[in-house]
Protein backbone atom coordinates (compact mmCIF):
# COMPACT_ATOMS: atom_id res chain seq x y z
CA MET A 1 0.00 0.00 0.00
CA LEU A 2 1.33 3.43 -0.99
CA THR A 3 2.17 5.67 1.95
CA LEU A 4 2.44 9.42 1.45
CA PHE A 5 4.59 11.24 3.98
CA ASP A 6 4.17 14.66 5.50
CA ASP A 7 5.72 17.82 4.12
CA VAL A 8 7.77 18.96 7.11
CA ALA A 9 9.13 22.49 6.58
CA THR A 10 12.28 23.57 8.45
CA ASP A 11 14.04 26.94 8.28
CA ILE A 12 17.80 26.37 8.11
CA ALA A 13 20.06 29.22 9.25
CA LEU A 14 22.81 29.93 6.71
CA SER A 15 26.21 31.39 7.53
CA GLU A 16 25.40 34.68 5.80
CA GLY A 17 22.49 35.29 8.16
CA ARG A 18 19.82 34.26 5.69
CA THR A 19 17.49 31.27 6.05
CA LEU A 20 16.52 28.56 3.59
CA ARG A 21 13.18 26.81 4.03
CA VAL A 22 13.57 23.08 3.39
CA HIS A 23 10.64 20.70 2.83
CA ASP A 24 11.10 17.04 3.74
CA SER A 25 8.84 14.00 3.38
CA GLN A 26 10.99 12.38 6.11
CA ALA A 27 10.57 9.03 4.39
CA GLU A 28 13.23 6.34 4.57
CA GLY A 29 15.53 6.03 1.58
CA ILE A 30 17.99 8.00 -0.52
CA PRO A 31 17.16 11.72 -0.53
CA LEU A 32 15.95 13.16 -3.84
CA ILE A 33 16.19 16.95 -3.81
CA TRP A 34 13.61 18.70 -6.02
CA HIS A 35 14.36 22.16 -7.49
CA HIS A 36 11.11 23.98 -8.19
CA GLY A 37 10.17 26.11 -11.19
CA SER A 38 9.63 29.87 -11.36
CA PRO A 39 7.58 30.96 -9.49
CA GLN A 40 6.77 28.28 -6.90
CA THR A 41 7.07 28.02 -3.12
CA GLY A 42 9.19 24.88 -2.89
CA ALA A 43 6.45 22.87 -1.16
CA LEU A 44 6.29 19.17 -2.07
CA LEU A 45 3.81 18.49 -4.88
CA ARG A 46 1.57 15.44 -4.71
CA PRO A 47 2.53 13.80 -8.05
CA LEU A 48 6.18 13.93 -6.99
CA GLN A 49 5.34 12.64 -3.50
CA GLU A 50 3.47 9.69 -4.99
CA ALA A 51 6.22 8.78 -7.45
CA ALA A 52 8.94 9.08 -4.79
CA ALA A 53 6.97 7.04 -2.23
CA GLU A 54 6.46 4.24 -4.76
CA ARG A 55 10.25 4.09 -5.21
CA ASP A 56 11.24 4.43 -1.54
CA LEU A 57 12.91 7.78 -2.12
CA ARG A 58 13.02 10.52 0.50
CA LEU A 59 11.62 13.49 -1.41
CA MET A 60 12.92 16.87 -0.30
CA SER A 61 12.67 20.36 -1.72
CA PHE A 62 13.42 23.95 -0.74
CA GLY A 63 12.37 27.48 -1.57
CA ARG A 64 14.99 29.41 -3.47
CA PRO A 65 15.71 32.87 -2.00
CA SER A 66 12.54 35.03 -1.83
CA TYR A 67 10.29 32.00 -2.37
CA GLY A 68 8.09 30.25 0.18
CA GLY A 69 9.66 31.69 3.33
CA SER A 70 13.34 31.61 2.28
CA SER A 71 15.24 34.87 2.78
CA ALA A 72 15.92 37.20 -0.12
CA HIS A 73 19.37 37.18 -1.74
CA ARG A 74 19.46 40.04 -4.21
CA GLY A 75 22.18 39.68 -6.84
CA ARG A 76 22.41 35.91 -6.50
CA ASN A 77 23.63 33.79 -9.37
CA VAL A 78 22.67 30.23 -10.24
CA ALA A 79 25.68 28.68 -8.50
CA SER A 80 24.92 30.46 -5.21
CA ILE A 81 21.75 28.38 -4.87
CA ALA A 82 23.86 25.21 -4.84
CA ALA A 83 26.08 26.69 -2.14
CA ASP A 84 23.01 27.47 -0.01
CA LEU A 85 21.68 23.96 -0.52
CA GLY A 86 25.00 22.35 0.39
CA GLU A 87 25.09 24.31 3.64
CA ALA A 88 21.49 23.36 4.46
CA LEU A 89 22.12 19.67 3.78
CA ASP A 90 25.20 19.79 6.00
CA ALA A 91 23.01 21.16 8.80
CA LEU A 92 20.56 18.30 8.24
CA GLY A 93 23.32 15.67 8.23
CA ILE A 94 22.71 14.63 4.62
CA ASP A 95 25.83 13.63 2.72
CA ARG A 96 24.85 11.99 -0.58
CA PHE A 97 21.68 12.48 -2.58
CA ALA A 98 20.16 12.70 -6.06
CA THR A 99 18.67 15.87 -7.47
CA MET A 100 15.99 16.82 -9.99
CA GLY A 101 14.72 20.18 -11.23
CA HIS A 102 12.10 21.51 -13.62
CA SER A 103 12.12 24.71 -15.67
CA GLY A 104 13.70 27.43 -13.50
CA GLY A 105 14.87 24.64 -11.21
CA GLY A 106 16.81 22.94 -14.00
CA PRO A 107 19.80 25.30 -13.88
CA THR A 108 20.02 25.00 -10.09
CA ALA A 109 19.90 21.20 -10.28
CA LEU A 110 22.82 21.36 -12.70
CA ALA A 111 24.62 23.85 -10.45
CA THR A 112 24.21 21.41 -7.56
CA ALA A 113 25.85 18.66 -9.63
CA ALA A 114 28.74 20.98 -10.52
CA HIS A 115 29.20 22.55 -7.08
CA LEU A 116 28.67 19.54 -4.81
CA GLY A 117 30.39 16.99 -7.06
CA ASP A 118 30.66 13.48 -5.62
CA ARG A 119 27.88 14.12 -3.12
CA VAL A 120 25.41 14.05 -6.04
CA LEU A 121 24.56 10.52 -7.14
CA ALA A 122 22.58 11.54 -10.24
CA THR A 123 20.95 14.66 -11.66
CA VAL A 124 17.80 15.19 -13.73
CA ALA A 125 17.01 18.50 -15.44
CA VAL A 126 13.52 18.74 -16.97
CA SER A 127 12.74 21.59 -19.40
CA SER A 128 15.90 23.39 -18.32
CA LEU A 129 17.33 26.56 -19.75
CA ALA A 130 20.89 26.47 -21.06
CA PRO A 131 23.33 29.24 -20.12
CA TYR A 132 22.58 32.48 -21.94
CA ARG A 133 24.43 33.03 -25.19
CA ALA A 134 24.33 36.50 -26.70
CA SER A 135 22.47 35.28 -29.74
CA GLU A 136 18.91 35.34 -31.05
CA GLU A 137 19.20 31.57 -31.30
CA TRP A 138 18.87 31.33 -27.49
CA PHE A 139 15.37 32.89 -27.68
CA ALA A 140 14.23 30.95 -30.77
CA GLY A 141 10.92 29.17 -30.19
CA MET A 142 10.00 30.97 -26.96
CA ALA A 143 6.40 32.20 -26.89
CA GLY A 144 6.36 35.87 -27.80
CA GLY A 145 10.13 35.78 -28.25
CA GLY A 146 10.85 35.36 -24.52
CA PRO A 147 9.87 38.88 -23.36
CA SER A 148 10.60 38.38 -19.65
CA LEU A 149 14.13 37.13 -20.29
CA ARG A 150 14.75 39.93 -22.77
CA ALA A 151 13.66 42.40 -20.11
CA ALA A 152 16.05 40.74 -17.64
CA LEU A 153 18.93 41.50 -20.00
CA LEU A 154 18.22 45.21 -19.48
CA GLY A 155 18.66 44.99 -15.70
CA ARG A 156 16.53 44.99 -12.56
CA ASP A 157 14.75 48.31 -13.13
CA ALA A 158 13.68 47.37 -16.65
CA TYR A 159 12.60 43.91 -15.52
CA GLU A 160 10.53 45.25 -12.64
CA GLU A 161 8.84 47.71 -15.00
CA PHE A 162 8.08 44.84 -17.40
CA GLU A 163 6.63 42.73 -14.57
CA ARG A 164 4.22 45.48 -13.52
CA THR A 165 2.27 45.17 -16.76
CA ALA A 166 3.13 41.65 -17.98
CA GLU A 167 0.34 39.17 -18.60
CA PHE A 168 0.51 35.43 -19.18
CA ASP A 169 0.62 34.47 -22.85
CA PRO A 170 -1.84 31.57 -23.34
CA SER A 171 0.18 30.34 -26.33
CA SER A 172 3.01 29.44 -23.93
CA PHE A 173 1.27 26.11 -23.24
CA ASN A 174 -0.12 23.50 -25.60
CA ALA A 175 -3.22 21.34 -25.11
CA HIS A 176 -1.26 18.67 -23.24
CA ASP A 177 0.02 21.31 -20.80
CA TYR A 178 -3.46 22.58 -20.05
CA ALA A 179 -4.71 19.01 -19.57
CA ALA A 180 -1.89 18.37 -17.08
CA LEU A 181 -2.73 21.53 -15.12
CA ASP A 182 -6.41 20.58 -15.06
CA GLY A 183 -5.53 17.06 -13.94
CA PRO A 184 -2.56 15.48 -12.16
CA TRP A 185 -0.48 18.67 -11.95
CA SER A 186 -3.20 20.99 -10.69
CA ALA A 187 -1.25 21.27 -7.42
CA MET A 188 1.55 22.96 -9.32
CA GLY A 189 -0.82 25.58 -10.70
CA ASP A 190 -2.09 26.23 -7.17
CA ASP A 191 1.47 26.56 -5.89
CA VAL A 192 2.37 29.03 -8.63
CA GLY A 193 -0.56 31.14 -7.44
CA LEU A 194 0.69 31.08 -3.85
CA ALA A 195 4.22 32.05 -4.89
CA SER A 196 2.95 34.83 -7.15
CA ALA A 197 0.85 36.26 -4.32
CA ASP A 198 4.02 36.70 -2.25
CA GLY A 199 5.37 39.19 -4.80
CA PRO A 200 7.72 39.22 -7.80
CA GLU A 201 11.11 39.27 -6.07
CA GLY A 202 11.83 35.55 -6.43
CA VAL A 203 11.02 35.31 -10.13
CA THR A 204 12.84 38.62 -10.74
CA ASP A 205 16.04 37.28 -9.17
CA ASP A 206 15.61 33.99 -11.04
CA ASP A 207 15.29 35.58 -14.47
CA LEU A 208 18.11 38.04 -13.83
CA SER A 209 20.37 35.14 -12.84
CA PHE A 210 19.48 33.06 -15.91
CA VAL A 211 20.74 35.68 -18.37
CA GLN A 212 23.93 36.45 -16.42
CA PRO A 213 26.97 34.16 -15.99
CA TRP A 214 25.81 31.17 -13.96
CA GLY A 215 28.97 30.83 -11.88
CA PHE A 216 29.83 27.38 -13.24
CA ASP A 217 30.36 25.63 -16.56
CA PRO A 218 27.96 22.71 -17.22
CA SER A 219 30.76 20.90 -19.06
CA THR A 220 32.51 20.39 -15.70
CA ILE A 221 29.72 18.14 -14.39
CA ALA A 222 31.11 14.63 -13.98
CA THR A 223 28.20 12.77 -12.36
CA PRO A 224 25.40 11.26 -14.51
CA VAL A 225 22.89 13.76 -15.90
CA LEU A 226 19.52 13.08 -17.53
CA LEU A 227 18.00 15.88 -19.62
CA VAL A 228 14.27 15.61 -20.32
CA HIS A 229 12.42 17.97 -22.66
CA GLY A 230 9.17 18.30 -24.56
CA GLY A 231 9.52 18.84 -28.28
CA ASP A 232 6.60 21.31 -28.20
CA ASP A 233 7.88 23.32 -25.24
CA ARG A 234 7.11 26.98 -25.98
CA VAL A 235 8.52 28.37 -22.73
CA VAL A 236 11.99 26.81 -22.88
CA PRO A 237 12.51 25.24 -26.33
CA ALA A 238 14.10 21.80 -26.57
CA ALA A 239 17.19 23.30 -28.21
CA HIS A 240 18.34 24.29 -24.71
CA SER A 241 18.52 20.65 -23.58
CA ARG A 242 20.18 19.68 -26.85
CA TRP A 243 22.92 22.23 -26.16
CA LEU A 244 23.33 20.97 -22.59
CA HIS A 245 23.54 17.39 -23.86
CA GLU A 246 26.32 18.36 -26.25
CA SER A 247 28.16 20.15 -23.42
CA ILE A 248 27.86 17.56 -20.63
CA ALA A 249 29.87 14.44 -21.44
CA ASN A 250 28.10 12.08 -19.03
CA SER A 251 24.56 13.00 -20.08
CA GLU A 252 21.53 11.36 -21.63
CA LEU A 253 18.71 13.17 -23.46
CA TRP A 254 15.05 12.19 -23.54
CA LEU A 255 12.95 14.15 -26.05
CA ARG A 256 9.18 13.74 -26.09
CA PRO A 257 7.88 15.33 -29.32
CA ASP A 258 4.29 16.09 -28.28
CA ASP A 259 4.91 17.35 -24.76
CA GLY A 260 5.06 20.98 -23.73
CA HIS A 261 6.52 22.73 -20.72
CA VAL A 262 4.14 21.21 -18.14
CA SER A 263 2.99 17.92 -19.65
CA ILE A 264 6.62 16.73 -19.78
CA LEU A 265 6.39 16.37 -15.99
CA ARG A 266 4.66 13.03 -16.54
CA GLU A 267 8.18 11.73 -17.24
CA CYS A 268 9.28 12.45 -13.65
CA ALA A 269 8.36 8.96 -12.46
CA ALA A 270 10.41 7.33 -15.23
CA ALA A 271 13.23 9.77 -14.46
CA MET A 272 13.19 8.59 -10.85
CA ASP A 273 13.61 5.04 -12.16
CA TRP A 274 16.63 6.31 -14.12
CA VAL A 275 18.02 7.82 -10.91
CA LEU A 276 17.68 4.50 -9.11
CA ALA A 277 19.39 2.69 -11.98
CA GLN A 278 22.34 5.10 -11.78
CA MET A 279 22.69 4.47 -8.06
CA GLN A 280 22.72 0.71 -8.62
CA SER A 281 25.26 0.76 -11.46
């Protein structure tokens, strides 16, 4: 019988005086650290809880700075998130773990693999951005041409002005995405609403960090990496995962032609099986 565990939230004091809110199912098994998308609170989502419980994994997550109770860290880069996470896991007595991130959490999952090295057993990045390259090619295929990320290139003031009037572009999602949000991933839509209600600082700092130097080179990642992407992703086009696959020597790429940015999350359960296989090999 499937047992779902509680989402126990703990605020971990970091050396810089900030706090990081960590969510923990407190199940037995190897920890799997989830990196949430932008914007979300970091709370554990039911589809992930179910898939992890079926595989005897200890699902954990955390709110990036300015999300879900974690302190702000203005000017952060992608790599700094991995440093925060490493410090929090030290405080919790967790040495080795696997990690998985979606969308805005993809770069931080990769940063964790680069920064924490041998502590990371395996890494999955779903619908992840690749590092920014000063080229129109990086924006190709993004709904509306990627207006939020273009605004981020102009700096914080320009981005905040953009956010004040920005509206969601319905063409960002395909029919499979909307079906996922109406069905098994409705909890994610609810969580996005909660994070958005807390204000724009988290997503502002995320987008600013994505178009600046990340603080690490993905090609330095030595542990196994699985890249998963929908071929009809209109938020982060699949070309980003193709570039990452070419850059990371020990990587595997799963492309799902009909999936978009949200519906690709149905591959998370299979990706957890991949994680387990890496740990057994």
